[in-house]
Amino acid sequence: MQEPPSMDKLLKIPVVLFNNILLPLIGLVLIGMLIYGGIMRMIAGPSPQNVARANAIITWAIIGSVVTLASIVLVKTFSNIFGIST
């Protein structure tokens, strides 16, 4: 009979998934939103609604990057606490 997988192996799966798939995808979305917000800001013209919309896009992209960096720190911290090597 096979032994059940250890807790280390079970916890390693979501950590590797987060580090190898989700983080690069989040980075691409972040860069895309910053570029989109910058272009919207450049072509907004004198319209205050368009400028406000572009500023909101850029602001939320920056907030998203801060949340992403915080999640990286949390994943690395919990990986070290539980002894999961990635």
PDB file of N, CA and C in Angstrom:
ATOM      1  N   MET A   1       0.833  -1.193   0.000  1.00  0.00           N
ATOM      2  CA  MET A   1       0.000   0.000   0.000  1.00  0.00           C
ATOM      3  C   MET A   1       0.869   1.245   0.000  1.00  0.00           C
ATOM      4  N   GLN A   2       0.342   2.255  -0.628  1.00  0.00           N
ATOM      5  CA  GLN A   2       1.063   3.522  -0.640  1.00  0.00           C
ATOM      6  C   GLN A   2       0.733   4.319   0.610  1.00  0.00           C
ATOM      7  N   GLU A   3       1.728   5.051   1.038  1.00  0.00           N
ATOM      8  CA  GLU A   3       1.507   5.935   2.172  1.00  0.00           C
ATOM      9  C   GLU A   3       0.815   7.202   1.681  1.00  0.00           C
ATOM     10  N   PRO A   4       0.000   7.818   2.527  1.00  0.00           N
ATOM     11  CA  PRO A   4      -0.625   9.080   2.115  1.00  0.00           C
ATOM     12  C   PRO A   4       0.442  10.163   1.972  1.00  0.00           C
ATOM     13  N   PRO A   5       0.203  11.158   1.121  1.00  0.00           N
ATOM     14  CA  PRO A   5       1.198  12.213   0.947  1.00  0.00           C
ATOM     15  C   PRO A   5       1.401  12.999   2.236  1.00  0.00           C
ATOM     16  N   SER A   6       2.615  13.435   2.423  1.00  0.00           N
ATOM     17  CA  SER A   6       2.924  14.201   3.628  1.00  0.00           C
ATOM     18  C   SER A   6       2.363  15.616   3.498  1.00  0.00           C
ATOM     19  N   MET A   7       2.265  16.291   4.625  1.00  0.00           N
ATOM     20  CA  MET A   7       1.748  17.660   4.647  1.00  0.00           C
ATOM     21  C   MET A   7       2.642  18.588   3.841  1.00  0.00           C
ATOM     22  N   ASP A   8       3.944  18.308   3.844  1.00  0.00           N
ATOM     23  CA  ASP A   8       4.880  19.120   3.073  1.00  0.00           C
ATOM     24  C   ASP A   8       4.547  19.063   1.589  1.00  0.00           C
ATOM     25  N   LYS A   9       4.264  17.881   1.087  1.00  0.00           N
ATOM     26  CA  LYS A   9       3.933  17.733  -0.337  1.00  0.00           C
ATOM     27  C   LYS A   9       2.587  18.353  -0.664  1.00  0.00           C
ATOM     28  N   LEU A  10       1.625  18.246   0.258  1.00  0.00           N
ATOM     29  CA  LEU A  10       0.317  18.838   0.017  1.00  0.00           C
ATOM     30  C   LEU A  10       0.366  20.361   0.005  1.00  0.00           C
ATOM     31  N   LEU A  11       1.159  20.953   0.886  1.00  0.00           N
ATOM     32  CA  LEU A  11       1.260  22.413   0.933  1.00  0.00           C
ATOM     33  C   LEU A  11       2.137  22.966  -0.184  1.00  0.00           C
ATOM     34  N   LYS A  12       3.006  22.127  -0.728  1.00  0.00           N
ATOM     35  CA  LYS A  12       3.899  22.602  -1.780  1.00  0.00           C
ATOM     36  C   LYS A  12       3.143  22.875  -3.076  1.00  0.00           C
ATOM     37  N   ILE A  13       2.070  22.149  -3.335  1.00  0.00           N
ATOM     38  CA  ILE A  13       1.324  22.301  -4.586  1.00  0.00           C
ATOM     39  C   ILE A  13       0.765  23.723  -4.750  1.00  0.00           C
ATOM     40  N   PRO A  14       0.010  24.276  -3.775  1.00  0.00           N
ATOM     41  CA  PRO A  14      -0.502  25.637  -3.987  1.00  0.00           C
ATOM     42  C   PRO A  14       0.594  26.692  -3.997  1.00  0.00           C
ATOM     43  N   VAL A  15       1.668  26.477  -3.247  1.00  0.00           N
ATOM     44  CA  VAL A  15       2.753  27.449  -3.224  1.00  0.00           C
ATOM     45  C   VAL A  15       3.445  27.497  -4.582  1.00  0.00           C
ATOM     46  N   VAL A  16       3.720  26.356  -5.163  1.00  0.00           N
ATOM     47  CA  VAL A  16       4.353  26.313  -6.480  1.00  0.00           C
ATOM     48  C   VAL A  16       3.412  26.889  -7.530  1.00  0.00           C
ATOM     49  N   LEU A  17       2.130  26.574  -7.444  1.00  0.00           N
ATOM     50  CA  LEU A  17       1.148  27.123  -8.371  1.00  0.00           C
ATOM     51  C   LEU A  17       1.119  28.642  -8.289  1.00  0.00           C
ATOM     52  N   PHE A  18       1.132  29.176  -7.078  1.00  0.00           N
ATOM     53  CA  PHE A  18       1.126  30.625  -6.882  1.00  0.00           C
ATOM     54  C   PHE A  18       2.386  31.259  -7.454  1.00  0.00           C
ATOM     55  N   ASN A  19       3.543  30.685  -7.124  1.00  0.00           N
ATOM     56  CA  ASN A  19       4.804  31.281  -7.548  1.00  0.00           C
ATOM     57  C   ASN A  19       5.047  31.168  -9.052  1.00  0.00           C
ATOM     58  N   ASN A  20       4.670  30.062  -9.657  1.00  0.00           N
ATOM     59  CA  ASN A  20       5.040  29.817 -11.053  1.00  0.00           C
ATOM     60  C   ASN A  20       3.978  30.213 -12.067  1.00  0.00           C
ATOM     61  N   ILE A  21       2.718  30.289 -11.658  1.00  0.00           N
ATOM     62  CA  ILE A  21       1.667  30.585 -12.626  1.00  0.00           C
ATOM     63  C   ILE A  21       0.963  31.905 -12.311  1.00  0.00           C
ATOM     64  N   LEU A  22       0.496  32.069 -11.092  1.00  0.00           N
ATOM     65  CA  LEU A  22      -0.301  33.241 -10.780  1.00  0.00           C
ATOM     66  C   LEU A  22       0.508  34.535 -10.729  1.00  0.00           C
ATOM     67  N   LEU A  23       1.694  34.521 -10.158  1.00  0.00           N
ATOM     68  CA  LEU A  23       2.477  35.749 -10.066  1.00  0.00           C
ATOM     69  C   LEU A  23       2.855  36.322 -11.428  1.00  0.00           C
ATOM     70  N   PRO A  24       3.352  35.510 -12.368  1.00  0.00           N
ATOM     71  CA  PRO A  24       3.622  36.093 -13.689  1.00  0.00           C
ATOM     72  C   PRO A  24       2.361  36.623 -14.371  1.00  0.00           C
ATOM     73  N   LEU A  25       1.247  35.937 -14.199  1.00  0.00           N
ATOM     74  CA  LEU A  25      -0.002  36.390 -14.797  1.00  0.00           C
ATOM     75  C   LEU A  25      -0.453  37.719 -14.185  1.00  0.00           C
ATOM     76  N   ILE A  26      -0.339  37.834 -12.877  1.00  0.00           N
ATOM     77  CA  ILE A  26      -0.692  39.079 -12.194  1.00  0.00           C
ATOM     78  C   ILE A  26       0.227  40.212 -12.654  1.00  0.00           C
ATOM     79  N   GLY A  27       1.502  39.914 -12.834  1.00  0.00           N
ATOM     80  CA  GLY A  27       2.438  40.925 -13.315  1.00  0.00           C
ATOM     81  C   GLY A  27       2.086  41.419 -14.706  1.00  0.00           C
ATOM     82  N   LEU A  28       1.699  40.513 -15.579  1.00  0.00           N
ATOM     83  CA  LEU A  28       1.306  40.917 -16.934  1.00  0.00           C
ATOM     84  C   LEU A  28       0.052  41.786 -16.907  1.00  0.00           C
ATOM     85  N   VAL A  29      -0.912  41.419 -16.096  1.00  0.00           N
ATOM     86  CA  VAL A  29      -2.130  42.220 -15.982  1.00  0.00           C
ATOM     87  C   VAL A  29      -1.806  43.599 -15.412  1.00  0.00           C
ATOM     88  N   LEU A  30      -0.929  43.660 -14.417  1.00  0.00           N
ATOM     89  CA  LEU A  30      -0.530  44.933 -13.825  1.00  0.00           C
ATOM     90  C   LEU A  30       0.122  45.838 -14.854  1.00  0.00           C
ATOM     91  N   ILE A  31       1.075  45.316 -15.605  1.00  0.00           N
ATOM     92  CA  ILE A  31       1.748  46.121 -16.633  1.00  0.00           C
ATOM     93  C   ILE A  31       0.745  46.577 -17.687  1.00  0.00           C
ATOM     94  N   GLY A  32      -0.150  45.684 -18.091  1.00  0.00           N
ATOM     95  CA  GLY A  32      -1.169  46.053 -19.066  1.00  0.00           C
ATOM     96  C   GLY A  32      -2.080  47.164 -18.568  1.00  0.00           C
ATOM     97  N   MET A  33      -2.485  47.095 -17.303  1.00  0.00           N
ATOM     98  CA  MET A  33      -3.356  48.136 -16.754  1.00  0.00           C
ATOM     99  C   MET A  33      -2.638  49.468 -16.613  1.00  0.00           C
ATOM    100  N   LEU A  34      -1.357  49.438 -16.248  1.00  0.00           N
ATOM    101  CA  LEU A  34      -0.606  50.691 -16.162  1.00  0.00           C
ATOM    102  C   LEU A  34      -0.440  51.325 -17.546  1.00  0.00           C
ATOM    103  N   ILE A  35      -0.164  50.511 -18.547  1.00  0.00           N
ATOM    104  CA  ILE A  35      -0.041  51.037 -19.911  1.00  0.00           C
ATOM    105  C   ILE A  35      -1.388  51.582 -20.386  1.00  0.00           C
ATOM    106  N   TYR A  36      -2.452  50.822 -20.147  1.00  0.00           N
ATOM    107  CA  TYR A  36      -3.784  51.267 -20.554  1.00  0.00           C
ATOM    108  C   TYR A  36      -4.158  52.578 -19.864  1.00  0.00           C
ATOM    109  N   GLY A  37      -3.921  52.665 -18.556  1.00  0.00           N
ATOM    110  CA  GLY A  37      -4.222  53.893 -17.821  1.00  0.00           C
ATOM    111  C   GLY A  37      -3.386  55.066 -18.299  1.00  0.00           C
ATOM    112  N   GLY A  38      -2.119  54.808 -18.628  1.00  0.00           N
ATOM    113  CA  GLY A  38      -1.262  55.872 -19.142  1.00  0.00           C
ATOM    114  C   GLY A  38      -1.720  56.374 -20.494  1.00  0.00           C
ATOM    115  N   ILE A  39      -2.108  55.460 -21.358  1.00  0.00           N
ATOM    116  CA  ILE A  39      -2.607  55.867 -22.682  1.00  0.00           C
ATOM    117  C   ILE A  39      -3.921  56.633 -22.528  1.00  0.00           C
ATOM    118  N   MET A  40      -4.792  56.143 -21.663  1.00  0.00           N
ATOM    119  CA  MET A  40      -6.052  56.856 -21.429  1.00  0.00           C
ATOM    120  C   MET A  40      -5.802  58.258 -20.882  1.00  0.00           C
ATOM    121  N   ARG A  41      -4.803  58.382 -20.048  1.00  0.00           N
ATOM    122  CA  ARG A  41      -4.457  59.695 -19.496  1.00  0.00           C
ATOM    123  C   ARG A  41      -3.930  60.626 -20.586  1.00  0.00           C
ATOM    124  N   MET A  42      -3.115  60.072 -21.491  1.00  0.00           N
ATOM    125  CA  MET A  42      -2.561  60.910 -22.556  1.00  0.00           C
ATOM    126  C   MET A  42      -3.626  61.378 -23.543  1.00  0.00           C
ATOM    127  N   ILE A  43      -4.605  60.535 -23.830  1.00  0.00           N
ATOM    128  CA  ILE A  43      -5.615  60.908 -24.821  1.00  0.00           C
ATOM    129  C   ILE A  43      -6.887  61.465 -24.182  1.00  0.00           C
ATOM    130  N   ALA A  44      -6.867  61.694 -22.873  1.00  0.00           N
ATOM    131  CA  ALA A  44      -8.062  62.176 -22.177  1.00  0.00           C
ATOM    132  C   ALA A  44      -8.449  63.576 -22.619  1.00  0.00           C
ATOM    133  N   GLY A  45      -7.479  64.374 -22.995  1.00  0.00           N
ATOM    134  CA  GLY A  45      -7.785  65.734 -23.410  1.00  0.00           C
ATOM    135  C   GLY A  45      -8.256  66.572 -22.231  1.00  0.00           C
ATOM    136  N   PRO A  46      -9.076  67.550 -22.521  1.00  0.00           N
ATOM    137  CA  PRO A  46      -9.519  68.445 -21.438  1.00  0.00           C
ATOM    138  C   PRO A  46     -10.704  67.916 -20.644  1.00  0.00           C
ATOM    139  N   SER A  47     -11.182  66.733 -20.976  1.00  0.00           N
ATOM    140  CA  SER A  47     -12.361  66.186 -20.296  1.00  0.00           C
ATOM    141  C   SER A  47     -12.007  65.718 -18.885  1.00  0.00           C
ATOM    142  N   PRO A  48     -12.601  66.346 -17.862  1.00  0.00           N
ATOM    143  CA  PRO A  48     -12.278  65.941 -16.482  1.00  0.00           C
ATOM    144  C   PRO A  48     -12.745  64.515 -16.153  1.00  0.00           C
ATOM    145  N   GLN A  49     -13.809  64.043 -16.788  1.00  0.00           N
ATOM    146  CA  GLN A  49     -14.273  62.680 -16.523  1.00  0.00           C
ATOM    147  C   GLN A  49     -13.266  61.660 -17.026  1.00  0.00           C
ATOM    148  N   ASN A  50     -12.712  61.899 -18.212  1.00  0.00           N
ATOM    149  CA  ASN A  50     -11.733  60.958 -18.769  1.00  0.00           C
ATOM    150  C   ASN A  50     -10.435  60.966 -17.970  1.00  0.00           C
ATOM    151  N   VAL A  51     -10.028  62.150 -17.510  1.00  0.00           N
ATOM    152  CA  VAL A  51      -8.817  62.245 -16.685  1.00  0.00           C
ATOM    153  C   VAL A  51      -9.030  61.512 -15.368  1.00  0.00           C
ATOM    154  N   ALA A  52     -10.194  61.697 -14.765  1.00  0.00           N
ATOM    155  CA  ALA A  52     -10.495  61.014 -13.494  1.00  0.00           C
ATOM    156  C   ALA A  52     -10.541  59.502 -13.695  1.00  0.00           C
ATOM    157  N   ARG A  53     -11.108  59.065 -14.809  1.00  0.00           N
ATOM    158  CA  ARG A  53     -11.170  57.628 -15.092  1.00  0.00           C
ATOM    159  C   ARG A  53      -9.772  57.046 -15.273  1.00  0.00           C
ATOM    160  N   ALA A  54      -8.914  57.747 -16.020  1.00  0.00           N
ATOM    161  CA  ALA A  54      -7.541  57.280 -16.232  1.00  0.00           C
ATOM    162  C   ALA A  54      -6.771  57.255 -14.915  1.00  0.00           C
ATOM    163  N   ASN A  55      -6.952  58.285 -14.096  1.00  0.00           N
ATOM    164  CA  ASN A  55      -6.279  58.314 -12.791  1.00  0.00           C
ATOM    165  C   ASN A  55      -6.750  57.160 -11.908  1.00  0.00           C
ATOM    166  N   ALA A  56      -8.046  56.831 -11.979  1.00  0.00           N
ATOM    167  CA  ALA A  56      -8.562  55.719 -11.183  1.00  0.00           C
ATOM    168  C   ALA A  56      -7.953  54.399 -11.647  1.00  0.00           C
ATOM    169  N   ILE A  57      -7.804  54.217 -12.946  1.00  0.00           N
ATOM    170  CA  ILE A  57      -7.192  52.989 -13.468  1.00  0.00           C
ATOM    171  C   ILE A  57      -5.763  52.851 -12.960  1.00  0.00           C
ATOM    172  N   ILE A  58      -5.009  53.931 -13.038  1.00  0.00           N
ATOM    173  CA  ILE A  58      -3.614  53.904 -12.586  1.00  0.00           C
ATOM    174  C   ILE A  58      -3.549  53.669 -11.073  1.00  0.00           C
ATOM    175  N   THR A  59      -4.411  54.335 -10.330  1.00  0.00           N
ATOM    176  CA  THR A  59      -4.429  54.179  -8.868  1.00  0.00           C
ATOM    177  C   THR A  59      -4.732  52.738  -8.474  1.00  0.00           C
ATOM    178  N   TRP A  60      -5.747  52.138  -9.088  1.00  0.00           N
ATOM    179  CA  TRP A  60      -6.101  50.759  -8.740  1.00  0.00           C
ATOM    180  C   TRP A  60      -5.040  49.773  -9.188  1.00  0.00           C
ATOM    181  N   ALA A  61      -4.338  50.075 -10.278  1.00  0.00           N
ATOM    182  CA  ALA A  61      -3.241  49.205 -10.695  1.00  0.00           C
ATOM    183  C   ALA A  61      -2.113  49.241  -9.659  1.00  0.00           C
ATOM    184  N   ILE A  62      -1.831  50.420  -9.131  1.00  0.00           N
ATOM    185  CA  ILE A  62      -0.782  50.538  -8.109  1.00  0.00           C
ATOM    186  C   ILE A  62      -1.219  49.842  -6.817  1.00  0.00           C
ATOM    187  N   ILE A  63      -2.481  50.004  -6.437  1.00  0.00           N
ATOM    188  CA  ILE A  63      -2.987  49.307  -5.247  1.00  0.00           C
ATOM    189  C   ILE A  63      -2.894  47.795  -5.447  1.00  0.00           C
ATOM    190  N   GLY A  64      -3.214  47.334  -6.640  1.00  0.00           N
ATOM    191  CA  GLY A  64      -3.097  45.906  -6.942  1.00  0.00           C
ATOM    192  C   GLY A  64      -1.670  45.411  -6.841  1.00  0.00           C
ATOM    193  N   SER A  65      -0.708  46.246  -7.258  1.00  0.00           N
ATOM    194  CA  SER A  65       0.695  45.828  -7.151  1.00  0.00           C
ATOM    195  C   SER A  65       1.131  45.739  -5.694  1.00  0.00           C
ATOM    196  N   VAL A  66       0.635  46.636  -4.853  1.00  0.00           N
ATOM    197  CA  VAL A  66       0.966  46.585  -3.425  1.00  0.00           C
ATOM    198  C   VAL A  66       0.375  45.322  -2.795  1.00  0.00           C
ATOM    199  N   VAL A  67      -0.860  44.999  -3.150  1.00  0.00           N
ATOM    200  CA  VAL A  67      -1.496  43.781  -2.626  1.00  0.00           C
ATOM    201  C   VAL A  67      -0.737  42.549  -3.102  1.00  0.00           C
ATOM    202  N   THR A  68      -0.303  42.558  -4.368  1.00  0.00           N
ATOM    203  CA  THR A  68       0.460  41.433  -4.905  1.00  0.00           C
ATOM    204  C   THR A  68       1.790  41.269  -4.171  1.00  0.00           C
ATOM    205  N   LEU A  69       2.481  42.370  -3.936  1.00  0.00           N
ATOM    206  CA  LEU A  69       3.751  42.294  -3.198  1.00  0.00           C
ATOM    207  C   LEU A  69       3.529  41.790  -1.775  1.00  0.00           C
ATOM    208  N   ALA A  70       2.435  42.215  -1.149  1.00  0.00           N
ATOM    209  CA  ALA A  70       2.131  41.730   0.195  1.00  0.00           C
ATOM    210  C   ALA A  70       1.838  40.231   0.173  1.00  0.00           C
ATOM    211  N   SER A  71       1.164  39.766  -0.868  1.00  0.00           N
ATOM    212  CA  SER A  71       0.886  38.327  -0.941  1.00  0.00           C
ATOM    213  C   SER A  71       2.160  37.524  -1.167  1.00  0.00           C
ATOM    214  N   ILE A  72       3.103  38.086  -1.926  1.00  0.00           N
ATOM    215  CA  ILE A  72       4.388  37.411  -2.117  1.00  0.00           C
ATOM    216  C   ILE A  72       5.096  37.254  -0.774  1.00  0.00           C
ATOM    217  N   VAL A  73       5.096  38.327   0.012  1.00  0.00           N
ATOM    218  CA  VAL A  73       5.742  38.278   1.324  1.00  0.00           C
ATOM    219  C   VAL A  73       5.059  37.239   2.212  1.00  0.00           C
ATOM    220  N   LEU A  74       3.721  37.198   2.196  1.00  0.00           N
ATOM    221  CA  LEU A  74       3.008  36.221   3.016  1.00  0.00           C
ATOM    222  C   LEU A  74       3.303  34.787   2.586  1.00  0.00           C
ATOM    223  N   VAL A  75       3.310  34.541   1.293  1.00  0.00           N
ATOM    224  CA  VAL A  75       3.582  33.179   0.816  1.00  0.00           C
ATOM    225  C   VAL A  75       4.999  32.764   1.184  1.00  0.00           C
ATOM    226  N   LYS A  76       5.969  33.655   1.003  1.00  0.00           N
ATOM    227  CA  LYS A  76       7.354  33.326   1.355  1.00  0.00           C
ATOM    228  C   LYS A  76       7.496  33.098   2.854  1.00  0.00           C
ATOM    229  N   THR A  77       6.813  33.916   3.654  1.00  0.00           N
ATOM    230  CA  THR A  77       6.887  33.767   5.104  1.00  0.00           C
ATOM    231  C   THR A  77       6.305  32.429   5.552  1.00  0.00           C
ATOM    232  N   PHE A  78       5.106  32.102   5.050  1.00  0.00           N
ATOM    233  CA  PHE A  78       4.493  30.830   5.441  1.00  0.00           C
ATOM    234  C   PHE A  78       5.266  29.644   4.879  1.00  0.00           C
ATOM    235  N   SER A  79       5.885  29.798   3.721  1.00  0.00           N
ATOM    236  CA  SER A  79       6.718  28.724   3.181  1.00  0.00           C
ATOM    237  C   SER A  79       7.904  28.464   4.101  1.00  0.00           C
ATOM    238  N   ASN A  80       8.505  29.535   4.603  1.00  0.00           N
ATOM    239  CA  ASN A  80       9.636  29.368   5.519  1.00  0.00           C
ATOM    240  C   ASN A  80       9.194  28.796   6.861  1.00  0.00           C
ATOM    241  N   ILE A  81       8.033  29.230   7.357  1.00  0.00           N
ATOM    242  CA  ILE A  81       7.537  28.746   8.635  1.00  0.00           C
ATOM    243  C   ILE A  81       7.257  27.240   8.571  1.00  0.00           C
ATOM    244  N   PHE A  82       6.612  26.801   7.486  1.00  0.00           N
ATOM    245  CA  PHE A  82       6.249  25.399   7.355  1.00  0.00           C
ATOM    246  C   PHE A  82       7.324  24.557   6.694  1.00  0.00           C
ATOM    247  N   GLY A  83       8.431  25.182   6.319  1.00  0.00           N
ATOM    248  CA  GLY A  83       9.552  24.439   5.740  1.00  0.00           C
ATOM    249  C   GLY A  83       9.281  23.921   4.343  1.00  0.00           C
ATOM    250  N   ILE A  84       8.538  24.681   3.544  1.00  0.00           N
ATOM    251  CA  ILE A  84       8.234  24.260   2.179  1.00  0.00           C
ATOM    252  C   ILE A  84       9.245  24.907   1.254  1.00  0.00           C
ATOM    253  N   SER A  85       9.962  24.084   0.538  1.00  0.00           N
ATOM    254  CA  SER A  85      10.928  24.611  -0.428  1.00  0.00           C
ATOM    255  C   SER A  85      10.285  24.625  -1.811  1.00  0.00           C
ATOM    256  N   THR A  86      10.487  25.739  -2.520  1.00  0.00           N
ATOM    257  CA  THR A  86       9.871  25.854  -3.847  1.00  0.00           C
ATOM    258  C   THR A  86      10.924  25.865  -4.933  1.00  0.00           C
TER     259      THR A  86
END
